[in-house]
Amino acid sequence: MLDNLEAYQAGKHLPHIISKSFMETFTVGLGGSGMTLAVVIIMAFILKKKMYKDVGRLALGAGLFNVNEPVIFGLPIVLNATILIPWVLAPIVVTAFNYIVMAVGIVPAPTGVAVPWTVPVFFSGMLATNSILGGVLQLVDMVIVGFIWYPFLRMLDKQPDSVL
């Protein structure tokens, strides 16, 4: 992280894409582990079952600040085999996508500035990269995560209540 910060301050090319601020801002910084902010939004506004809508609405405030325990235990994600696939897949896909986008130069790499993990999506990306493109990338990430999670959430939403 300091290598990037020193290079940024000197006006040189940033030597590292993968850094602490990359991991905190472009992986965990999308609603916590599993990138659950998109999940909470889908639950609150798209799913039909009242239980999921209620959990989504309750978890939304915390999710905006990357605190996802309400959805982890409220969905529940813990010990749920159906949810394991998007829980693992979304961070891998989005992290690889972010790395490629930054390696190609479409979005600048994080400058090395330490951004608190509770800074909301868009603002944390902007602060980490010192560019609005960092924030836009996080919004694109949210869409990708939503597409990955949606089929699994719909499957849960269609299950009879007795299975829940």
C-alpha atoms as a PDB file:
ATOM      1  CA  MET A   1       0.000   0.000   0.000  1.00  0.00           C
ATOM      2  CA  LEU A   2       2.839   2.383   0.797  1.00  0.00           C
ATOM      3  CA  ASP A   3       4.495   1.660  -2.568  1.00  0.00           C
ATOM      4  CA  ASN A   4       1.357   2.855  -4.341  1.00  0.00           C
ATOM      5  CA  LEU A   5       1.045   5.901  -2.094  1.00  0.00           C
ATOM      6  CA  GLU A   6       4.674   6.914  -2.661  1.00  0.00           C
ATOM      7  CA  ALA A   7       4.355   6.390  -6.431  1.00  0.00           C
ATOM      8  CA  TYR A   8       1.095   8.364  -6.497  1.00  0.00           C
ATOM      9  CA  GLN A   9       2.648  11.249  -4.561  1.00  0.00           C
ATOM     10  CA  ALA A  10       5.627  11.255  -6.936  1.00  0.00           C
ATOM     11  CA  GLY A  11       3.323  11.222  -9.975  1.00  0.00           C
ATOM     12  CA  LYS A  12       4.620   7.827 -11.130  1.00  0.00           C
ATOM     13  CA  HIS A  13       2.821   4.688 -12.337  1.00  0.00           C
ATOM     14  CA  LEU A  14       1.280   2.752  -9.442  1.00  0.00           C
ATOM     15  CA  PRO A  15       3.213  -0.518  -9.046  1.00  0.00           C
ATOM     16  CA  HIS A  16       0.494  -2.684  -7.459  1.00  0.00           C
ATOM     17  CA  ILE A  17      -3.161  -3.258  -8.221  1.00  0.00           C
ATOM     18  CA  ILE A  18      -3.739  -5.763  -5.439  1.00  0.00           C
ATOM     19  CA  SER A  19      -3.332  -3.935  -2.154  1.00  0.00           C
ATOM     20  CA  LYS A  20      -5.097  -3.576   1.149  1.00  0.00           C
ATOM     21  CA  SER A  21      -7.239  -0.743  -0.193  1.00  0.00           C
ATOM     22  CA  PHE A  22      -8.094  -2.785  -3.326  1.00  0.00           C
ATOM     23  CA  MET A  23      -9.287  -5.682  -1.179  1.00  0.00           C
ATOM     24  CA  GLU A  24     -11.222  -3.497   1.255  1.00  0.00           C
ATOM     25  CA  THR A  25     -12.774  -1.271  -1.389  1.00  0.00           C
ATOM     26  CA  PHE A  26     -13.385  -3.509  -4.388  1.00  0.00           C
ATOM     27  CA  THR A  27     -14.182  -6.817  -2.668  1.00  0.00           C
ATOM     28  CA  VAL A  28     -15.336  -6.577   0.950  1.00  0.00           C
ATOM     29  CA  GLY A  29     -16.422  -2.963   0.400  1.00  0.00           C
ATOM     30  CA  LEU A  30     -19.518  -4.031  -1.520  1.00  0.00           C
ATOM     31  CA  GLY A  31     -21.641  -4.871   1.479  1.00  0.00           C
ATOM     32  CA  GLY A  32     -19.292  -7.060   3.476  1.00  0.00           C
ATOM     33  CA  SER A  33     -18.101 -10.596   2.821  1.00  0.00           C
ATOM     34  CA  GLY A  34     -20.023 -12.231  -0.003  1.00  0.00           C
ATOM     35  CA  MET A  35     -20.766  -8.773  -1.440  1.00  0.00           C
ATOM     36  CA  THR A  36     -24.227  -8.737   0.096  1.00  0.00           C
ATOM     37  CA  LEU A  37     -25.319  -5.138  -0.515  1.00  0.00           C
ATOM     38  CA  ALA A  38     -26.814  -6.157  -3.866  1.00  0.00           C
ATOM     39  CA  VAL A  39     -28.448  -9.121  -2.096  1.00  0.00           C
ATOM     40  CA  VAL A  40     -30.092  -6.830   0.452  1.00  0.00           C
ATOM     41  CA  ILE A  41     -31.384  -4.542  -2.305  1.00  0.00           C
ATOM     42  CA  ILE A  42     -32.829  -7.507  -4.235  1.00  0.00           C
ATOM     43  CA  MET A  43     -34.436  -8.866  -1.068  1.00  0.00           C
ATOM     44  CA  ALA A  44     -35.951  -5.532  -0.083  1.00  0.00           C
ATOM     45  CA  PHE A  45     -37.312  -4.493  -3.466  1.00  0.00           C
ATOM     46  CA  ILE A  46     -37.675  -7.529  -5.771  1.00  0.00           C
ATOM     47  CA  LEU A  47     -38.387 -10.721  -3.827  1.00  0.00           C
ATOM     48  CA  LYS A  48     -42.019 -11.518  -3.035  1.00  0.00           C
ATOM     49  CA  LYS A  49     -42.018 -13.223   0.368  1.00  0.00           C
ATOM     50  CA  LYS A  50     -42.631 -10.897   3.273  1.00  0.00           C
ATOM     51  CA  MET A  51     -39.917 -12.575   5.336  1.00  0.00           C
ATOM     52  CA  TYR A  52     -37.243 -11.773   2.747  1.00  0.00           C
ATOM     53  CA  LYS A  53     -38.559  -8.256   2.154  1.00  0.00           C
ATOM     54  CA  ASP A  54     -38.482  -7.552   5.899  1.00  0.00           C
ATOM     55  CA  VAL A  55     -34.953  -8.894   6.352  1.00  0.00           C
ATOM     56  CA  GLY A  56     -33.810  -6.943   3.276  1.00  0.00           C
ATOM     57  CA  ARG A  57     -35.287  -3.689   4.537  1.00  0.00           C
ATOM     58  CA  LEU A  58     -33.876  -4.180   8.026  1.00  0.00           C
ATOM     59  CA  ALA A  59     -30.422  -5.068   6.680  1.00  0.00           C
ATOM     60  CA  LEU A  60     -30.285  -2.225   4.141  1.00  0.00           C
ATOM     61  CA  GLY A  61     -29.100   0.478   6.541  1.00  0.00           C
ATOM     62  CA  ALA A  62     -26.283  -1.644   7.913  1.00  0.00           C
ATOM     63  CA  GLY A  63     -25.446  -2.973   4.441  1.00  0.00           C
ATOM     64  CA  LEU A  64     -24.834   0.529   3.113  1.00  0.00           C
ATOM     65  CA  PHE A  65     -21.942   0.722   5.576  1.00  0.00           C
ATOM     66  CA  ASN A  66     -20.630  -2.779   4.744  1.00  0.00           C
ATOM     67  CA  VAL A  67     -22.042  -4.426   7.853  1.00  0.00           C
ATOM     68  CA  ASN A  68     -23.723  -7.593   6.659  1.00  0.00           C
ATOM     69  CA  GLU A  69     -24.384  -9.665   9.773  1.00  0.00           C
ATOM     70  CA  PRO A  70     -28.145  -8.912   9.617  1.00  0.00           C
ATOM     71  CA  VAL A  71     -28.395 -10.566   6.196  1.00  0.00           C
ATOM     72  CA  ILE A  72     -25.913 -13.345   6.985  1.00  0.00           C
ATOM     73  CA  PHE A  73     -28.051 -14.566   9.857  1.00  0.00           C
ATOM     74  CA  GLY A  74     -31.419 -13.210   8.654  1.00  0.00           C
ATOM     75  CA  LEU A  75     -31.511 -14.773   5.164  1.00  0.00           C
ATOM     76  CA  PRO A  76     -29.864 -17.079   6.494  1.00  0.00           C
ATOM     77  CA  ILE A  77     -26.641 -17.407   4.542  1.00  0.00           C
ATOM     78  CA  VAL A  78     -25.018 -19.434   7.305  1.00  0.00           C
ATOM     79  CA  LEU A  79     -25.376 -23.197   6.665  1.00  0.00           C
ATOM     80  CA  ASN A  80     -27.457 -22.640   3.520  1.00  0.00           C
ATOM     81  CA  ALA A  81     -26.231 -24.884   0.680  1.00  0.00           C
ATOM     82  CA  THR A  82     -28.224 -22.971  -1.963  1.00  0.00           C
ATOM     83  CA  ILE A  83     -26.521 -19.717  -1.082  1.00  0.00           C
ATOM     84  CA  LEU A  84     -22.994 -21.162  -0.941  1.00  0.00           C
ATOM     85  CA  ILE A  85     -22.567 -20.924  -4.729  1.00  0.00           C
ATOM     86  CA  PRO A  86     -23.189 -17.166  -5.165  1.00  0.00           C
ATOM     87  CA  TRP A  87     -21.519 -16.467  -1.802  1.00  0.00           C
ATOM     88  CA  VAL A  88     -18.263 -17.909  -3.171  1.00  0.00           C
ATOM     89  CA  LEU A  89     -18.712 -17.089  -6.876  1.00  0.00           C
ATOM     90  CA  ALA A  90     -19.588 -13.371  -6.684  1.00  0.00           C
ATOM     91  CA  PRO A  91     -16.389 -12.231  -4.911  1.00  0.00           C
ATOM     92  CA  ILE A  92     -14.203 -14.306  -7.257  1.00  0.00           C
ATOM     93  CA  VAL A  93     -15.850 -12.984 -10.432  1.00  0.00           C
ATOM     94  CA  VAL A  94     -15.941  -9.354  -9.307  1.00  0.00           C
ATOM     95  CA  THR A  95     -12.387  -9.349  -7.940  1.00  0.00           C
ATOM     96  CA  ALA A  96     -11.086 -10.795 -11.229  1.00  0.00           C
ATOM     97  CA  PHE A  97     -13.159  -8.271 -13.202  1.00  0.00           C
ATOM     98  CA  ASN A  98     -11.848  -5.374 -11.112  1.00  0.00           C
ATOM     99  CA  TYR A  99      -8.262  -6.536 -11.496  1.00  0.00           C
ATOM    100  CA  ILE A 100      -8.609  -6.756 -15.284  1.00  0.00           C
ATOM    101  CA  VAL A 101     -10.303  -3.351 -15.547  1.00  0.00           C
ATOM    102  CA  MET A 102      -7.490  -1.781 -13.514  1.00  0.00           C
ATOM    103  CA  ALA A 103      -4.679  -3.706 -15.254  1.00  0.00           C
ATOM    104  CA  VAL A 104      -5.939  -2.543 -18.651  1.00  0.00           C
ATOM    105  CA  GLY A 105      -6.078   1.031 -17.351  1.00  0.00           C
ATOM    106  CA  ILE A 106      -9.798   1.708 -17.697  1.00  0.00           C
ATOM    107  CA  VAL A 107     -10.005   2.518 -13.973  1.00  0.00           C
ATOM    108  CA  PRO A 108      -6.985   3.697 -11.976  1.00  0.00           C
ATOM    109  CA  ALA A 109      -5.581   1.383  -9.309  1.00  0.00           C
ATOM    110  CA  PRO A 110      -6.056   2.348  -5.657  1.00  0.00           C
ATOM    111  CA  THR A 111      -3.600   5.067  -4.716  1.00  0.00           C
ATOM    112  CA  GLY A 112      -2.677   3.613  -1.344  1.00  0.00           C
ATOM    113  CA  VAL A 113      -4.876   5.933   0.681  1.00  0.00           C
ATOM    114  CA  ALA A 114      -6.476   4.038   3.567  1.00  0.00           C
ATOM    115  CA  VAL A 115     -10.240   4.247   3.148  1.00  0.00           C
ATOM    116  CA  PRO A 116     -12.244   3.070   6.176  1.00  0.00           C
ATOM    117  CA  TRP A 117     -14.168  -0.106   5.364  1.00  0.00           C
ATOM    118  CA  THR A 118     -17.443   1.480   6.484  1.00  0.00           C
ATOM    119  CA  VAL A 119     -17.443   4.141   3.751  1.00  0.00           C
ATOM    120  CA  PRO A 120     -20.425   3.405   1.456  1.00  0.00           C
ATOM    121  CA  VAL A 121     -20.174   2.058  -2.080  1.00  0.00           C
ATOM    122  CA  PHE A 122     -19.305   4.634  -4.756  1.00  0.00           C
ATOM    123  CA  PHE A 123     -17.685   6.998  -2.262  1.00  0.00           C
ATOM    124  CA  SER A 124     -15.135   4.419  -1.128  1.00  0.00           C
ATOM    125  CA  GLY A 125     -14.235   3.582  -4.732  1.00  0.00           C
ATOM    126  CA  MET A 126     -13.858   7.251  -5.542  1.00  0.00           C
ATOM    127  CA  LEU A 127     -11.664   7.888  -2.501  1.00  0.00           C
ATOM    128  CA  ALA A 128      -9.500   4.790  -3.032  1.00  0.00           C
ATOM    129  CA  THR A 129      -8.692   5.588  -6.665  1.00  0.00           C
ATOM    130  CA  ASN A 130      -8.939   9.387  -6.497  1.00  0.00           C
ATOM    131  CA  SER A 131     -11.234   9.103  -9.509  1.00  0.00           C
ATOM    132  CA  ILE A 132     -14.971   9.016 -10.074  1.00  0.00           C
ATOM    133  CA  LEU A 133     -14.294   5.918 -12.181  1.00  0.00           C
ATOM    134  CA  GLY A 134     -13.539   3.980  -8.993  1.00  0.00           C
ATOM    135  CA  GLY A 135     -17.035   4.748  -7.747  1.00  0.00           C
ATOM    136  CA  VAL A 136     -18.584   3.887 -11.103  1.00  0.00           C
ATOM    137  CA  LEU A 137     -16.693   0.577 -11.082  1.00  0.00           C
ATOM    138  CA  GLN A 138     -18.241  -0.253  -7.722  1.00  0.00           C
ATOM    139  CA  LEU A 139     -21.710   0.421  -9.132  1.00  0.00           C
ATOM    140  CA  VAL A 140     -20.953  -1.877 -12.087  1.00  0.00           C
ATOM    141  CA  ASP A 141     -19.734  -4.463  -9.569  1.00  0.00           C
ATOM    142  CA  MET A 142     -23.066  -4.225  -7.765  1.00  0.00           C
ATOM    143  CA  VAL A 143     -24.905  -5.031 -10.998  1.00  0.00           C
ATOM    144  CA  ILE A 144     -22.634  -8.032 -11.658  1.00  0.00           C
ATOM    145  CA  VAL A 145     -23.154  -9.285  -8.104  1.00  0.00           C
ATOM    146  CA  GLY A 146     -26.907  -8.834  -8.495  1.00  0.00           C
ATOM    147  CA  PHE A 147     -26.928 -10.949 -11.668  1.00  0.00           C
ATOM    148  CA  ILE A 148     -24.943 -13.690  -9.925  1.00  0.00           C
ATOM    149  CA  TRP A 149     -27.112 -13.756  -6.792  1.00  0.00           C
ATOM    150  CA  TYR A 150     -30.558 -13.203  -8.347  1.00  0.00           C
ATOM    151  CA  PRO A 151     -31.284 -16.747  -9.636  1.00  0.00           C
ATOM    152  CA  PHE A 152     -30.417 -18.228  -6.253  1.00  0.00           C
ATOM    153  CA  LEU A 153     -32.515 -15.703  -4.368  1.00  0.00           C
ATOM    154  CA  ARG A 154     -35.462 -16.386  -6.703  1.00  0.00           C
ATOM    155  CA  MET A 155     -35.050 -20.088  -6.018  1.00  0.00           C
ATOM    156  CA  LEU A 156     -35.295 -19.402  -2.276  1.00  0.00           C
ATOM    157  CA  ASP A 157     -38.241 -17.068  -2.831  1.00  0.00           C
ATOM    158  CA  LYS A 158     -40.158 -19.788  -4.716  1.00  0.00           C
ATOM    159  CA  GLN A 159     -39.650 -22.476  -2.064  1.00  0.00           C
ATOM    160  CA  PRO A 160     -42.730 -23.295  -0.007  1.00  0.00           C
ATOM    161  CA  ASP A 161     -42.761 -21.843   3.496  1.00  0.00           C
ATOM    162  CA  SER A 162     -42.573 -25.294   5.061  1.00  0.00           C
ATOM    163  CA  VAL A 163     -39.074 -25.736   3.577  1.00  0.00           C
ATOM    164  CA  LEU A 164     -37.889 -22.520   5.190  1.00  0.00           C
END
